[in-house]
Amino acid sequence: MRVIAGKAKGHRLKGPRARSVRPTSDLVRGAIFSALAARDVDLSRVLDLYAGSGALGIEALSRGACWCDFVEENPSACALIRDNLQATGFAGQAEVHCLPVERALDRLEGPYTLVLADPPYADASALAALEEVASSSLVAPGATLVLEQGAKQAPPEAVGPFRLLNERRHGDTMVAIYR
């Protein structure tokens, strides 16, 4: 796993040892950020939910994001994100919140222009948490939401006030973009 483009292009990122954490592949990350660039999405303030290794948020930082908050409940994954931020030189532009998404909402300071969400594919409660985020003051007007999920699931037509703009399948992964 590596950073695909930007300031940290080519830097290798540490991946999780646990098989339960599924990092976003280089191919899928590249497709996500190509789609965002084509829509001229504002990357200035990013929120990476269910952050895992931090690969999505770090890619955003490498491509010019000013700040990224990472939310991940697994303590070893949080340490991994911190290591990856140090290795890429982005530790001063980020904060790692090591707690469940539902509990992090009260601790975050928005507004975010881009929300990246890669919940565990089997987590049925994730959509409710995303709807809460999408409907909150944490999200800037005109913001973009990216949801990564299993390809067998149809993406919801809406997440809170966000409407589905585009969906793409990449192997066993579905990426949906909302605005």
N, C-alpha and C. Protein backbone atom coordinates (compact mmCIF):
# COMPACT_ATOMS: atom_id res chain seq x y z
N MET A 1 0.85 -1.17 0.00
CA MET A 1 0.00 0.00 0.00
C MET A 1 0.90 1.24 0.00
N ARG A 2 0.56 2.19 -0.87
CA ARG A 2 1.39 3.39 -0.99
C ARG A 2 0.51 4.59 -1.26
N VAL A 3 1.07 5.79 -1.08
CA VAL A 3 0.37 7.02 -1.45
C VAL A 3 0.48 7.15 -2.96
N ILE A 4 -0.61 7.43 -3.61
CA ILE A 4 -0.67 7.40 -5.08
C ILE A 4 -0.17 8.69 -5.73
N ALA A 5 -0.53 9.85 -5.18
CA ALA A 5 -0.18 11.11 -5.85
C ALA A 5 0.05 12.21 -4.82
N GLY A 6 0.59 13.32 -5.29
CA GLY A 6 0.77 14.48 -4.42
C GLY A 6 2.12 14.53 -3.75
N LYS A 7 2.18 15.30 -2.65
CA LYS A 7 3.44 15.53 -1.94
C LYS A 7 4.10 14.27 -1.42
N ALA A 8 3.31 13.31 -0.99
CA ALA A 8 3.87 12.08 -0.40
C ALA A 8 3.82 10.90 -1.38
N LYS A 9 3.67 11.19 -2.67
CA LYS A 9 3.57 10.15 -3.69
C LYS A 9 4.70 9.12 -3.53
N GLY A 10 4.30 7.85 -3.56
CA GLY A 10 5.26 6.77 -3.48
C GLY A 10 5.58 6.30 -2.07
N HIS A 11 5.25 7.10 -1.04
CA HIS A 11 5.52 6.65 0.33
C HIS A 11 4.72 5.39 0.63
N ARG A 12 5.38 4.43 1.19
CA ARG A 12 4.69 3.19 1.61
C ARG A 12 3.96 3.45 2.92
N LEU A 13 2.77 2.91 3.01
CA LEU A 13 1.97 3.00 4.23
C LEU A 13 1.93 1.64 4.89
N LYS A 14 2.00 1.64 6.22
CA LYS A 14 1.87 0.39 6.96
C LYS A 14 0.41 -0.04 6.91
N GLY A 15 0.22 -1.33 6.75
CA GLY A 15 -1.13 -1.89 6.74
C GLY A 15 -1.40 -2.65 8.02
N PRO A 16 -2.65 -2.92 8.29
CA PRO A 16 -3.01 -3.64 9.51
C PRO A 16 -2.59 -5.10 9.44
N ARG A 17 -2.29 -5.65 10.60
CA ARG A 17 -1.96 -7.08 10.67
C ARG A 17 -3.23 -7.91 10.77
N ALA A 18 -4.26 -7.33 11.37
CA ALA A 18 -5.52 -8.06 11.55
C ALA A 18 -6.25 -8.19 10.22
N ARG A 19 -6.73 -9.37 9.97
CA ARG A 19 -7.48 -9.60 8.73
C ARG A 19 -8.84 -8.94 8.76
N SER A 20 -9.30 -8.54 9.95
CA SER A 20 -10.62 -7.91 10.07
C SER A 20 -10.62 -6.48 9.51
N VAL A 21 -9.45 -5.87 9.37
CA VAL A 21 -9.35 -4.52 8.81
C VAL A 21 -8.97 -4.67 7.34
N ARG A 22 -9.77 -4.04 6.47
CA ARG A 22 -9.59 -4.14 5.04
C ARG A 22 -9.23 -2.77 4.49
N PRO A 23 -7.95 -2.51 4.26
CA PRO A 23 -7.55 -1.20 3.75
C PRO A 23 -8.03 -1.00 2.31
N THR A 24 -8.31 0.23 1.97
CA THR A 24 -8.70 0.56 0.60
C THR A 24 -7.50 0.35 -0.30
N SER A 25 -7.69 -0.41 -1.36
CA SER A 25 -6.58 -0.73 -2.27
C SER A 25 -6.10 0.53 -3.00
N ASP A 26 -4.89 0.47 -3.51
CA ASP A 26 -4.34 1.59 -4.30
C ASP A 26 -5.24 1.89 -5.49
N LEU A 27 -5.73 0.85 -6.15
CA LEU A 27 -6.59 1.02 -7.32
C LEU A 27 -7.86 1.79 -6.96
N VAL A 28 -8.52 1.38 -5.90
CA VAL A 28 -9.77 2.03 -5.49
C VAL A 28 -9.51 3.45 -5.01
N ARG A 29 -8.43 3.65 -4.24
CA ARG A 29 -8.10 5.01 -3.80
C ARG A 29 -7.85 5.92 -4.99
N GLY A 30 -7.11 5.42 -5.98
CA GLY A 30 -6.85 6.20 -7.18
C GLY A 30 -8.14 6.56 -7.90
N ALA A 31 -9.06 5.60 -8.00
CA ALA A 31 -10.35 5.86 -8.65
C ALA A 31 -11.17 6.90 -7.88
N ILE A 32 -11.16 6.80 -6.55
CA ILE A 32 -11.91 7.76 -5.73
C ILE A 32 -11.38 9.17 -5.97
N PHE A 33 -10.07 9.35 -5.89
CA PHE A 33 -9.52 10.70 -6.00
C PHE A 33 -9.55 11.22 -7.43
N SER A 34 -9.54 10.35 -8.42
CA SER A 34 -9.74 10.80 -9.80
C SER A 34 -11.16 11.33 -9.98
N ALA A 35 -12.14 10.62 -9.42
CA ALA A 35 -13.53 11.06 -9.50
C ALA A 35 -13.73 12.39 -8.76
N LEU A 36 -13.08 12.54 -7.61
CA LEU A 36 -13.20 13.79 -6.84
C LEU A 36 -12.56 14.94 -7.60
N ALA A 37 -11.40 14.70 -8.22
CA ALA A 37 -10.72 15.75 -8.99
C ALA A 37 -11.56 16.18 -10.19
N ALA A 38 -12.23 15.21 -10.83
CA ALA A 38 -13.08 15.53 -11.98
C ALA A 38 -14.26 16.41 -11.58
N ARG A 39 -14.66 16.33 -10.31
CA ARG A 39 -15.77 17.15 -9.81
C ARG A 39 -15.28 18.40 -9.09
N ASP A 40 -13.96 18.62 -9.11
CA ASP A 40 -13.34 19.77 -8.47
C ASP A 40 -13.77 19.91 -7.00
N VAL A 41 -13.69 18.78 -6.28
CA VAL A 41 -14.10 18.72 -4.88
C VAL A 41 -13.10 19.47 -4.01
N ASP A 42 -13.63 20.23 -3.06
CA ASP A 42 -12.83 20.99 -2.10
C ASP A 42 -12.25 20.02 -1.06
N LEU A 43 -10.94 19.91 -1.04
CA LEU A 43 -10.25 19.01 -0.11
C LEU A 43 -9.72 19.73 1.13
N SER A 44 -10.12 20.98 1.36
CA SER A 44 -9.45 21.76 2.39
C SER A 44 -9.57 21.16 3.79
N ARG A 45 -10.72 20.62 4.16
CA ARG A 45 -10.89 20.07 5.51
C ARG A 45 -11.61 18.72 5.39
N VAL A 46 -10.89 17.65 5.75
CA VAL A 46 -11.36 16.29 5.49
C VAL A 46 -11.64 15.55 6.80
N LEU A 47 -12.68 14.73 6.76
CA LEU A 47 -13.02 13.85 7.87
C LEU A 47 -12.97 12.43 7.34
N ASP A 48 -12.11 11.59 7.91
CA ASP A 48 -11.95 10.19 7.50
C ASP A 48 -12.55 9.32 8.60
N LEU A 49 -13.74 8.78 8.33
CA LEU A 49 -14.45 7.94 9.30
C LEU A 49 -14.16 6.47 9.05
N TYR A 50 -14.08 5.68 10.13
CA TYR A 50 -13.70 4.27 10.03
C TYR A 50 -12.36 4.21 9.30
N ALA A 51 -11.41 4.95 9.79
CA ALA A 51 -10.17 5.26 9.07
C ALA A 51 -9.24 4.08 8.83
N GLY A 52 -9.30 3.03 9.64
CA GLY A 52 -8.43 1.86 9.39
C GLY A 52 -6.96 2.23 9.44
N SER A 53 -6.28 2.17 8.30
CA SER A 53 -4.85 2.51 8.22
C SER A 53 -4.63 4.01 7.99
N GLY A 54 -5.70 4.74 7.69
CA GLY A 54 -5.58 6.17 7.40
C GLY A 54 -5.26 6.46 5.95
N ALA A 55 -5.26 5.45 5.09
CA ALA A 55 -4.85 5.61 3.70
C ALA A 55 -5.68 6.64 2.94
N LEU A 56 -7.00 6.66 3.14
CA LEU A 56 -7.84 7.62 2.42
C LEU A 56 -7.53 9.06 2.83
N GLY A 57 -7.50 9.31 4.13
CA GLY A 57 -7.22 10.67 4.62
C GLY A 57 -5.81 11.12 4.27
N ILE A 58 -4.85 10.22 4.34
CA ILE A 58 -3.46 10.56 3.99
C ILE A 58 -3.37 10.89 2.50
N GLU A 59 -4.10 10.16 1.69
CA GLU A 59 -4.13 10.48 0.25
C GLU A 59 -4.69 11.88 0.03
N ALA A 60 -5.72 12.24 0.78
CA ALA A 60 -6.29 13.59 0.67
C ALA A 60 -5.26 14.64 1.09
N LEU A 61 -4.55 14.39 2.19
CA LEU A 61 -3.51 15.33 2.63
C LEU A 61 -2.42 15.46 1.58
N SER A 62 -2.02 14.35 1.00
CA SER A 62 -0.97 14.38 -0.02
C SER A 62 -1.40 15.19 -1.24
N ARG A 63 -2.70 15.19 -1.50
CA ARG A 63 -3.23 15.88 -2.68
C ARG A 63 -3.66 17.32 -2.37
N GLY A 64 -3.30 17.82 -1.20
CA GLY A 64 -3.51 19.23 -0.91
C GLY A 64 -4.48 19.58 0.20
N ALA A 65 -5.07 18.61 0.86
CA ALA A 65 -5.95 18.92 1.99
C ALA A 65 -5.14 19.65 3.06
N CYS A 66 -5.76 20.62 3.70
CA CYS A 66 -5.08 21.38 4.76
C CYS A 66 -5.13 20.65 6.10
N TRP A 67 -6.21 19.89 6.34
CA TRP A 67 -6.41 19.24 7.63
C TRP A 67 -7.23 17.98 7.42
N CYS A 68 -6.98 16.97 8.26
CA CYS A 68 -7.79 15.76 8.25
C CYS A 68 -7.94 15.24 9.68
N ASP A 69 -9.18 14.98 10.06
CA ASP A 69 -9.47 14.28 11.32
C ASP A 69 -9.77 12.83 10.97
N PHE A 70 -9.09 11.93 11.67
CA PHE A 70 -9.27 10.50 11.47
C PHE A 70 -10.04 9.95 12.66
N VAL A 71 -11.09 9.18 12.40
CA VAL A 71 -11.86 8.54 13.46
C VAL A 71 -11.79 7.04 13.27
N GLU A 72 -11.27 6.36 14.28
CA GLU A 72 -11.10 4.90 14.25
C GLU A 72 -11.18 4.40 15.68
N GLU A 73 -11.95 3.33 15.91
CA GLU A 73 -12.12 2.86 17.29
C GLU A 73 -11.07 1.84 17.73
N ASN A 74 -10.38 1.19 16.81
CA ASN A 74 -9.40 0.16 17.15
C ASN A 74 -8.08 0.82 17.56
N PRO A 75 -7.63 0.62 18.81
CA PRO A 75 -6.40 1.27 19.28
C PRO A 75 -5.15 0.95 18.45
N SER A 76 -5.01 -0.30 18.00
CA SER A 76 -3.82 -0.62 17.20
C SER A 76 -3.90 0.05 15.83
N ALA A 77 -5.10 0.19 15.27
CA ALA A 77 -5.25 0.92 14.01
C ALA A 77 -4.95 2.40 14.21
N CYS A 78 -5.34 2.96 15.35
CA CYS A 78 -5.04 4.37 15.65
C CYS A 78 -3.53 4.59 15.69
N ALA A 79 -2.81 3.66 16.31
CA ALA A 79 -1.34 3.75 16.36
C ALA A 79 -0.76 3.65 14.95
N LEU A 80 -1.34 2.80 14.13
CA LEU A 80 -0.91 2.64 12.74
C LEU A 80 -1.11 3.94 11.95
N ILE A 81 -2.25 4.59 12.15
CA ILE A 81 -2.52 5.88 11.48
C ILE A 81 -1.48 6.91 11.90
N ARG A 82 -1.20 6.98 13.19
CA ARG A 82 -0.20 7.93 13.69
C ARG A 82 1.17 7.66 13.06
N ASP A 83 1.54 6.39 12.98
CA ASP A 83 2.82 6.02 12.34
C ASP A 83 2.84 6.45 10.88
N ASN A 84 1.75 6.20 10.17
CA ASN A 84 1.67 6.57 8.76
C ASN A 84 1.70 8.08 8.57
N LEU A 85 1.08 8.82 9.48
CA LEU A 85 1.13 10.29 9.41
C LEU A 85 2.56 10.79 9.63
N GLN A 86 3.27 10.20 10.59
CA GLN A 86 4.67 10.56 10.84
C GLN A 86 5.53 10.28 9.61
N ALA A 87 5.36 9.09 9.05
CA ALA A 87 6.18 8.65 7.92
C ALA A 87 5.97 9.52 6.68
N THR A 88 4.77 10.06 6.53
CA THR A 88 4.48 10.88 5.34
C THR A 88 4.66 12.37 5.61
N GLY A 89 4.93 12.74 6.86
CA GLY A 89 5.15 14.15 7.18
C GLY A 89 3.88 14.95 7.40
N PHE A 90 2.75 14.28 7.62
CA PHE A 90 1.48 14.99 7.78
C PHE A 90 0.96 15.02 9.22
N ALA A 91 1.78 14.64 10.19
CA ALA A 91 1.32 14.58 11.58
C ALA A 91 0.83 15.94 12.09
N GLY A 92 1.40 17.02 11.60
CA GLY A 92 0.99 18.36 12.02
C GLY A 92 -0.28 18.86 11.37
N GLN A 93 -0.82 18.10 10.42
CA GLN A 93 -2.04 18.50 9.71
C GLN A 93 -3.20 17.56 10.00
N ALA A 94 -3.11 16.83 11.11
CA ALA A 94 -4.12 15.82 11.37
C ALA A 94 -4.26 15.55 12.86
N GLU A 95 -5.39 14.98 13.20
CA GLU A 95 -5.62 14.48 14.55
C GLU A 95 -6.31 13.13 14.43
N VAL A 96 -5.89 12.19 15.27
CA VAL A 96 -6.49 10.86 15.29
C VAL A 96 -7.38 10.77 16.52
N HIS A 97 -8.64 10.44 16.30
CA HIS A 97 -9.61 10.28 17.39
C HIS A 97 -9.89 8.79 17.52
N CYS A 98 -9.43 8.23 18.62
CA CYS A 98 -9.52 6.78 18.81
C CYS A 98 -10.79 6.45 19.61
N LEU A 99 -11.91 6.42 18.93
CA LEU A 99 -13.19 6.09 19.53
C LEU A 99 -14.21 5.80 18.44
N PRO A 100 -15.33 5.20 18.78
CA PRO A 100 -16.34 4.90 17.76
C PRO A 100 -16.87 6.19 17.10
N VAL A 101 -17.28 6.08 15.86
CA VAL A 101 -17.79 7.23 15.12
C VAL A 101 -18.92 7.91 15.90
N GLU A 102 -19.83 7.12 16.45
CA GLU A 102 -20.98 7.68 17.16
C GLU A 102 -20.56 8.58 18.32
N ARG A 103 -19.49 8.22 19.00
CA ARG A 103 -19.01 9.01 20.15
C ARG A 103 -18.13 10.17 19.72
N ALA A 104 -17.55 10.09 18.55
CA ALA A 104 -16.63 11.14 18.08
C ALA A 104 -17.36 12.39 17.63
N LEU A 105 -18.61 12.27 17.27
CA LEU A 105 -19.34 13.41 16.70
C LEU A 105 -19.35 14.63 17.61
N ASP A 106 -19.44 14.41 18.91
CA ASP A 106 -19.45 15.52 19.86
C ASP A 106 -18.08 16.16 20.04
N ARG A 107 -17.02 15.49 19.63
CA ARG A 107 -15.66 15.97 19.84
C ARG A 107 -15.03 16.62 18.61
N LEU A 108 -15.68 16.48 17.47
CA LEU A 108 -15.11 16.99 16.22
C LEU A 108 -15.49 18.44 16.00
N GLU A 109 -14.62 19.14 15.29
CA GLU A 109 -14.89 20.53 14.95
C GLU A 109 -14.89 20.66 13.43
N GLY A 110 -16.02 20.97 12.88
CA GLY A 110 -16.12 21.16 11.43
C GLY A 110 -15.94 22.61 11.10
N PRO A 111 -16.40 23.03 9.99
CA PRO A 111 -17.09 22.19 9.03
C PRO A 111 -16.10 21.51 8.09
N TYR A 112 -16.48 20.30 7.67
CA TYR A 112 -15.67 19.51 6.75
C TYR A 112 -16.19 19.68 5.33
N THR A 113 -15.26 19.77 4.39
CA THR A 113 -15.65 19.90 2.98
C THR A 113 -15.71 18.54 2.28
N LEU A 114 -15.05 17.54 2.87
CA LEU A 114 -15.06 16.19 2.32
C LEU A 114 -15.12 15.20 3.47
N VAL A 115 -16.08 14.28 3.38
CA VAL A 115 -16.22 13.21 4.38
C VAL A 115 -15.97 11.89 3.66
N LEU A 116 -14.99 11.14 4.14
CA LEU A 116 -14.65 9.83 3.59
C LEU A 116 -15.09 8.78 4.60
N ALA A 117 -15.87 7.80 4.15
CA ALA A 117 -16.37 6.78 5.07
C ALA A 117 -16.16 5.39 4.47
N ASP A 118 -15.42 4.58 5.18
CA ASP A 118 -15.14 3.21 4.76
C ASP A 118 -15.44 2.27 5.92
N PRO A 119 -16.75 2.15 6.27
CA PRO A 119 -17.10 1.30 7.41
C PRO A 119 -16.91 -0.18 7.09
N PRO A 120 -16.80 -1.00 8.12
CA PRO A 120 -16.77 -2.44 7.87
C PRO A 120 -18.00 -2.84 7.06
N TYR A 121 -17.82 -3.66 6.05
CA TYR A 121 -18.91 -3.98 5.14
C TYR A 121 -20.13 -4.56 5.86
N ALA A 122 -19.93 -5.27 6.96
CA ALA A 122 -21.04 -5.91 7.66
C ALA A 122 -21.64 -5.04 8.78
N ASP A 123 -21.19 -3.81 8.93
CA ASP A 123 -21.66 -2.95 10.02
C ASP A 123 -22.97 -2.27 9.65
N ALA A 124 -24.07 -2.84 10.13
CA ALA A 124 -25.40 -2.32 9.81
C ALA A 124 -25.67 -0.96 10.45
N SER A 125 -24.96 -0.62 11.53
CA SER A 125 -25.20 0.65 12.22
C SER A 125 -24.46 1.83 11.57
N ALA A 126 -23.57 1.54 10.63
CA ALA A 126 -22.75 2.60 10.04
C ALA A 126 -23.56 3.63 9.28
N LEU A 127 -24.59 3.19 8.55
CA LEU A 127 -25.39 4.14 7.77
C LEU A 127 -26.10 5.15 8.68
N ALA A 128 -26.59 4.70 9.83
CA ALA A 128 -27.23 5.62 10.78
C ALA A 128 -26.23 6.65 11.28
N ALA A 129 -25.01 6.22 11.57
CA ALA A 129 -23.97 7.16 12.03
C ALA A 129 -23.63 8.15 10.92
N LEU A 130 -23.53 7.68 9.68
CA LEU A 130 -23.23 8.57 8.56
C LEU A 130 -24.35 9.57 8.33
N GLU A 131 -25.59 9.14 8.47
CA GLU A 131 -26.72 10.06 8.33
C GLU A 131 -26.67 11.14 9.41
N GLU A 132 -26.27 10.77 10.62
CA GLU A 132 -26.13 11.75 11.70
C GLU A 132 -25.04 12.77 11.37
N VAL A 133 -23.91 12.30 10.86
CA VAL A 133 -22.83 13.20 10.46
C VAL A 133 -23.31 14.12 9.33
N ALA A 134 -23.92 13.53 8.31
CA ALA A 134 -24.35 14.28 7.13
C ALA A 134 -25.37 15.37 7.46
N SER A 135 -26.17 15.13 8.48
CA SER A 135 -27.21 16.08 8.87
C SER A 135 -26.75 17.09 9.91
N SER A 136 -25.51 17.00 10.33
CA SER A 136 -25.00 17.85 11.40
C SER A 136 -24.31 19.10 10.87
N SER A 137 -23.97 19.98 11.79
CA SER A 137 -23.24 21.20 11.43
C SER A 137 -21.76 20.91 11.17
N LEU A 138 -21.34 19.65 11.32
CA LEU A 138 -19.95 19.28 11.03
C LEU A 138 -19.64 19.36 9.54
N VAL A 139 -20.68 19.32 8.72
CA VAL A 139 -20.50 19.26 7.28
C VAL A 139 -20.81 20.63 6.66
N ALA A 140 -19.87 21.13 5.87
CA ALA A 140 -20.01 22.43 5.22
C ALA A 140 -21.05 22.36 4.11
N PRO A 141 -21.72 23.48 3.83
CA PRO A 141 -22.61 23.50 2.67
C PRO A 141 -21.81 23.19 1.40
N GLY A 142 -22.39 22.37 0.54
CA GLY A 142 -21.71 22.00 -0.70
C GLY A 142 -20.65 20.93 -0.54
N ALA A 143 -20.57 20.32 0.63
CA ALA A 143 -19.56 19.29 0.90
C ALA A 143 -19.85 18.03 0.09
N THR A 144 -18.87 17.16 0.05
CA THR A 144 -18.97 15.89 -0.66
C THR A 144 -18.77 14.75 0.34
N LEU A 145 -19.52 13.68 0.14
CA LEU A 145 -19.42 12.48 0.97
C LEU A 145 -19.07 11.31 0.06
N VAL A 146 -18.06 10.53 0.46
CA VAL A 146 -17.68 9.32 -0.26
C VAL A 146 -17.92 8.14 0.67
N LEU A 147 -18.70 7.17 0.18
CA LEU A 147 -19.00 5.96 0.94
C LEU A 147 -18.43 4.76 0.20
N GLU A 148 -17.59 4.00 0.88
CA GLU A 148 -17.05 2.76 0.33
C GLU A 148 -17.74 1.61 1.04
N GLN A 149 -18.25 0.67 0.25
CA GLN A 149 -18.96 -0.47 0.84
C GLN A 149 -18.80 -1.69 -0.06
N GLY A 150 -19.35 -2.81 0.36
CA GLY A 150 -19.29 -4.03 -0.44
C GLY A 150 -20.08 -3.87 -1.73
N ALA A 151 -19.59 -4.44 -2.82
CA ALA A 151 -20.23 -4.29 -4.12
C ALA A 151 -21.57 -4.99 -4.21
N LYS A 152 -21.83 -5.93 -3.31
CA LYS A 152 -23.12 -6.64 -3.34
C LYS A 152 -24.26 -5.78 -2.82
N GLN A 153 -23.92 -4.71 -2.11
CA GLN A 153 -24.94 -3.81 -1.57
C GLN A 153 -25.18 -2.66 -2.54
N ALA A 154 -26.44 -2.30 -2.73
CA ALA A 154 -26.74 -1.11 -3.51
C ALA A 154 -26.54 0.09 -2.60
N PRO A 155 -25.88 1.15 -3.08
CA PRO A 155 -25.71 2.32 -2.22
C PRO A 155 -27.05 3.02 -2.02
N PRO A 156 -27.24 3.62 -0.86
CA PRO A 156 -28.49 4.35 -0.64
C PRO A 156 -28.57 5.54 -1.59
N GLU A 157 -29.78 5.90 -1.98
CA GLU A 157 -29.98 7.05 -2.87
C GLU A 157 -29.63 8.36 -2.17
N ALA A 158 -29.74 8.34 -0.83
CA ALA A 158 -29.44 9.54 -0.05
C ALA A 158 -28.82 9.13 1.29
N VAL A 159 -27.97 10.01 1.81
CA VAL A 159 -27.42 9.88 3.15
C VAL A 159 -27.67 11.23 3.81
N GLY A 160 -28.69 11.28 4.67
CA GLY A 160 -29.10 12.58 5.22
C GLY A 160 -29.50 13.48 4.05
N PRO A 161 -29.01 14.72 4.02
CA PRO A 161 -29.36 15.62 2.92
C PRO A 161 -28.54 15.38 1.64
N PHE A 162 -27.57 14.49 1.69
CA PHE A 162 -26.72 14.21 0.52
C PHE A 162 -27.44 13.28 -0.45
N ARG A 163 -27.34 13.58 -1.74
CA ARG A 163 -27.94 12.77 -2.79
C ARG A 163 -26.84 12.07 -3.59
N LEU A 164 -27.11 10.86 -4.00
CA LEU A 164 -26.17 10.05 -4.77
C LEU A 164 -25.90 10.71 -6.13
N LEU A 165 -24.62 10.96 -6.42
CA LEU A 165 -24.21 11.51 -7.71
C LEU A 165 -23.69 10.44 -8.65
N ASN A 166 -22.92 9.51 -8.06
CA ASN A 166 -22.20 8.55 -8.88
C ASN A 166 -21.89 7.32 -8.05
N GLU A 167 -21.88 6.18 -8.70
CA GLU A 167 -21.45 4.95 -8.05
C GLU A 167 -20.62 4.15 -9.04
N ARG A 168 -19.59 3.50 -8.51
CA ARG A 168 -18.71 2.69 -9.35
C ARG A 168 -18.32 1.43 -8.58
N ARG A 169 -18.30 0.32 -9.31
CA ARG A 169 -17.84 -0.94 -8.73
C ARG A 169 -16.39 -1.16 -9.12
N HIS A 170 -15.60 -1.59 -8.16
CA HIS A 170 -14.20 -1.94 -8.36
C HIS A 170 -13.99 -3.28 -7.67
N GLY A 171 -14.11 -4.37 -8.41
CA GLY A 171 -14.01 -5.69 -7.82
C GLY A 171 -15.12 -5.91 -6.81
N ASP A 172 -14.76 -6.21 -5.56
CA ASP A 172 -15.78 -6.44 -4.53
C ASP A 172 -16.12 -5.17 -3.74
N THR A 173 -15.72 -4.02 -4.27
CA THR A 173 -15.94 -2.74 -3.60
C THR A 173 -16.85 -1.84 -4.43
N MET A 174 -17.78 -1.18 -3.74
CA MET A 174 -18.64 -0.17 -4.37
C MET A 174 -18.26 1.18 -3.76
N VAL A 175 -18.03 2.17 -4.61
CA VAL A 175 -17.75 3.52 -4.16
C VAL A 175 -18.89 4.40 -4.62
N ALA A 176 -19.50 5.09 -3.68
CA ALA A 176 -20.60 6.01 -3.98
C ALA A 176 -20.20 7.42 -3.56
N ILE A 177 -20.49 8.38 -4.44
CA ILE A 177 -20.17 9.78 -4.17
C ILE A 177 -21.49 10.54 -4.04
N TYR A 178 -21.58 11.33 -2.98
CA TYR A 178 -22.79 12.09 -2.68
C TYR A 178 -22.45 13.58 -2.55
N ARG A 179 -23.44 14.38 -2.86
CA ARG A 179 -23.29 15.82 -2.62
C ARG A 179 -24.63 16.39 -2.20
